[in-house]
């Protein structure tokens, strides 16, 4: 009987952990959006305040996405072309951007479309607009994470209980 109870506890715990892991992509989306927002703020400072070149400013953001774009720009391509190449590779399953929504990616594409091609004031406005839009997306992502994580954990816990009842 003790073995059955122990098995039931393991089943319930295992199912609950499965529910928690089902929301991992939502957590990854929130993390990436937060990193990109912080990177956008730093990029605005380095480009408009310190008047650095775009590749230099991208490297100083401490943002994995922006660093990758900077590396691609070293091949003498524009930020828009670097973004498109990066997006094509990293949106696939397991890539850095695979957790982002289409709207998230569209905001970033719009940002990189004109980045480095306009005057300082226009760049600052573009960066502020992107920062604002990404912040809205992040709020939605946090809300979605909060709701779905609770749902997934609750459902998985209930499934675990049902399996435990069947076993015991």
Protein backbone atom coordinates (compact mmCIF):
# COMPACT_ATOMS: atom_id res chain seq x y z
CA UNK A 1 0.00 0.00 0.00
CA UNK A 2 2.85 2.40 0.80
CA UNK A 3 4.27 1.82 -2.66
CA UNK A 4 0.94 2.74 -4.26
CA UNK A 5 0.72 5.94 -2.24
CA UNK A 6 4.29 6.85 -3.14
CA UNK A 7 3.53 6.12 -6.79
CA UNK A 8 0.42 8.30 -6.60
CA UNK A 9 2.45 11.18 -5.16
CA UNK A 10 5.05 10.81 -7.90
CA UNK A 11 2.34 10.77 -10.59
CA UNK A 12 0.67 13.93 -9.23
CA UNK A 13 4.01 15.74 -8.88
CA UNK A 14 5.13 14.64 -12.34
CA UNK A 15 1.92 15.77 -14.00
CA UNK A 16 2.08 19.12 -12.20
CA UNK A 17 5.65 19.65 -13.42
CA UNK A 18 4.54 18.82 -16.97
CA UNK A 19 1.92 21.56 -16.67
CA UNK A 20 4.56 24.01 -15.48
CA UNK A 21 6.86 23.15 -18.37
CA UNK A 22 4.06 23.65 -20.90
CA UNK A 23 4.24 27.38 -20.24
CA UNK A 24 8.01 27.57 -20.83
CA UNK A 25 7.64 29.20 -24.25
CA UNK A 26 5.49 31.94 -22.72
CA UNK A 27 8.17 32.59 -20.09
CA UNK A 28 10.80 32.67 -22.84
CA UNK A 29 8.73 35.22 -24.80
CA UNK A 30 8.51 37.50 -21.75
CA UNK A 31 12.26 37.16 -21.15
CA UNK A 32 13.19 37.94 -24.77
CA UNK A 33 10.81 40.91 -24.97
CA UNK A 34 12.27 42.31 -21.74
CA UNK A 35 15.80 41.92 -23.08
CA UNK A 36 14.89 43.61 -26.36
CA UNK A 37 13.15 46.50 -24.57
CA UNK A 38 16.23 47.09 -22.38
CA UNK A 39 18.40 46.83 -25.49
CA UNK A 40 16.24 49.37 -27.33
CA UNK A 41 16.65 51.85 -24.46
CA UNK A 42 20.43 51.41 -24.51
CA UNK A 43 20.47 51.63 -28.30
CA UNK A 44 18.63 54.95 -28.17
CA UNK A 45 21.22 56.31 -25.72
CA UNK A 46 24.20 55.12 -27.75
CA UNK A 47 22.84 56.24 -31.12
CA UNK A 48 21.30 59.58 -30.24
CA UNK A 49 23.28 60.61 -27.18
CA UNK A 50 26.75 59.31 -27.98
CA UNK A 51 26.39 59.41 -31.77
CA UNK A 52 27.97 56.00 -32.31
CA UNK A 53 27.64 54.02 -35.51
CA UNK A 54 24.79 51.54 -35.65
CA UNK A 55 26.93 48.37 -35.39
CA UNK A 56 28.83 49.82 -32.40
CA UNK A 57 25.62 50.90 -30.69
CA UNK A 58 24.01 47.49 -31.29
CA UNK A 59 27.00 45.72 -29.73
CA UNK A 60 26.81 47.85 -26.57
CA UNK A 61 23.18 46.98 -25.81
CA UNK A 62 23.92 43.64 -24.08
CA UNK A 63 20.98 42.22 -26.05
CA UNK A 64 21.51 38.88 -27.78
CA UNK A 65 19.24 39.84 -30.70
CA UNK A 66 20.97 43.17 -31.29
CA UNK A 67 24.43 41.62 -30.97
CA UNK A 68 23.54 39.07 -33.65
CA UNK A 69 22.29 41.83 -35.97
CA UNK A 70 25.53 43.73 -35.38
CA UNK A 71 27.57 40.66 -36.34
CA UNK A 72 25.57 40.23 -39.53
CA UNK A 73 26.04 43.92 -40.37
CA UNK A 74 29.81 43.37 -40.41
CA UNK A 75 29.23 41.72 -43.80
CA UNK A 76 28.39 45.21 -45.16
CA UNK A 77 24.63 44.74 -45.21
CA UNK A 78 21.91 47.01 -43.87
CA UNK A 79 20.17 46.52 -40.55
CA UNK A 80 16.99 45.52 -42.42
CA UNK A 81 18.81 42.84 -44.43
CA UNK A 82 20.63 41.62 -41.32
CA UNK A 83 17.31 41.38 -39.47
CA UNK A 84 15.64 39.43 -42.28
CA UNK A 85 18.49 36.92 -42.40
CA UNK A 86 18.53 36.59 -38.62
CA UNK A 87 14.75 36.25 -38.45
CA UNK A 88 14.70 33.51 -41.09
CA UNK A 89 17.17 31.44 -39.10
CA UNK A 90 16.07 32.15 -35.52
CA UNK A 91 12.28 31.86 -35.94
CA UNK A 92 12.54 28.15 -36.57
CA UNK A 93 11.82 25.69 -33.77
CA UNK A 94 14.48 25.97 -31.09
CA UNK A 95 15.71 29.34 -32.37
CA UNK A 96 16.10 32.45 -30.28
CA UNK A 97 12.95 34.06 -31.69
CA UNK A 98 10.69 31.00 -31.88
CA UNK A 99 8.64 32.08 -28.84
CA UNK A 100 7.84 35.56 -30.20
CA UNK A 101 4.45 36.29 -31.75
CA UNK A 102 3.96 37.57 -35.28
CA UNK A 103 3.16 41.03 -33.88
CA UNK A 104 6.41 41.03 -31.84
CA UNK A 105 8.38 40.16 -34.97
CA UNK A 106 6.55 42.79 -37.05
CA UNK A 107 7.46 45.49 -34.51
CA UNK A 108 11.12 44.47 -34.66
CA UNK A 109 11.04 44.33 -38.45
CA UNK A 110 9.59 47.83 -38.57
CA UNK A 111 12.34 49.02 -36.23
CA UNK A 112 15.16 47.52 -38.28
CA UNK A 113 13.64 48.69 -41.59
CA UNK A 114 14.81 52.27 -41.10
CA UNK A 115 17.43 51.87 -38.38
CA UNK A 116 20.63 53.62 -39.38
CA UNK A 117 19.09 55.32 -42.42
CA UNK A 118 17.49 58.42 -40.90
CA UNK A 119 18.56 61.43 -38.92
CA UNK A 120 19.16 61.39 -35.18
CA UNK A 121 15.76 62.80 -34.22
CA UNK A 122 13.84 60.40 -36.47
CA UNK A 123 15.86 57.48 -35.11
CA UNK A 124 15.03 58.49 -31.57
CA UNK A 125 11.32 58.62 -32.42
CA UNK A 126 11.50 55.22 -34.16
CA UNK A 127 13.24 53.69 -31.14
CA UNK A 128 10.74 55.21 -28.70
CA UNK A 129 7.83 53.93 -30.80
CA UNK A 130 9.33 50.44 -30.92
CA UNK A 131 10.01 50.53 -27.18
CA UNK A 132 6.41 51.54 -26.48
CA UNK A 133 4.95 48.88 -28.81
CA UNK A 134 7.20 46.17 -27.37
CA UNK A 135 6.25 47.21 -23.82
CA UNK A 136 2.57 46.77 -24.73
CA UNK A 137 3.35 43.35 -26.17
CA UNK A 138 5.25 42.43 -23.01
CA UNK A 139 2.33 43.40 -20.78
CA UNK A 140 0.08 41.17 -22.87
CA UNK A 141 2.64 38.37 -22.73
CA UNK A 142 2.91 38.64 -18.93
CA UNK A 143 -0.87 38.49 -18.58
CA UNK A 144 -1.04 35.50 -20.93
CA UNK A 145 1.73 33.77 -18.99
CA UNK A 146 -0.01 34.37 -15.68
CA UNK A 147 -3.33 33.00 -16.94
CA UNK A 148 -2.05 30.03 -18.92
CA UNK A 149 0.54 28.91 -16.40
CA UNK A 150 -2.16 28.64 -13.74
CA UNK A 151 -4.42 26.83 -16.18
CA UNK A 152 -1.77 24.35 -17.32
CA UNK A 153 -0.65 23.58 -13.78
CA UNK A 154 -4.23 23.16 -12.55
CA UNK A 155 -5.26 20.87 -15.39
CA UNK A 156 -2.09 18.81 -15.08
CA UNK A 157 -2.59 18.51 -11.32
CA UNK A 158 -6.15 17.28 -11.88
CA UNK A 159 -5.00 14.75 -14.48
CA UNK A 160 -2.35 13.58 -12.02
CA UNK A 161 -4.97 13.14 -9.31
CA UNK A 162 -7.18 11.14 -11.64
CA UNK A 163 -4.27 8.90 -12.61
CA UNK A 164 -3.34 8.50 -8.95
CA UNK A 165 -6.89 7.44 -8.10
CA UNK A 166 -6.80 4.86 -10.88
CA UNK A 167 -3.45 3.52 -9.63
CA UNK A 168 -4.44 3.41 -5.95
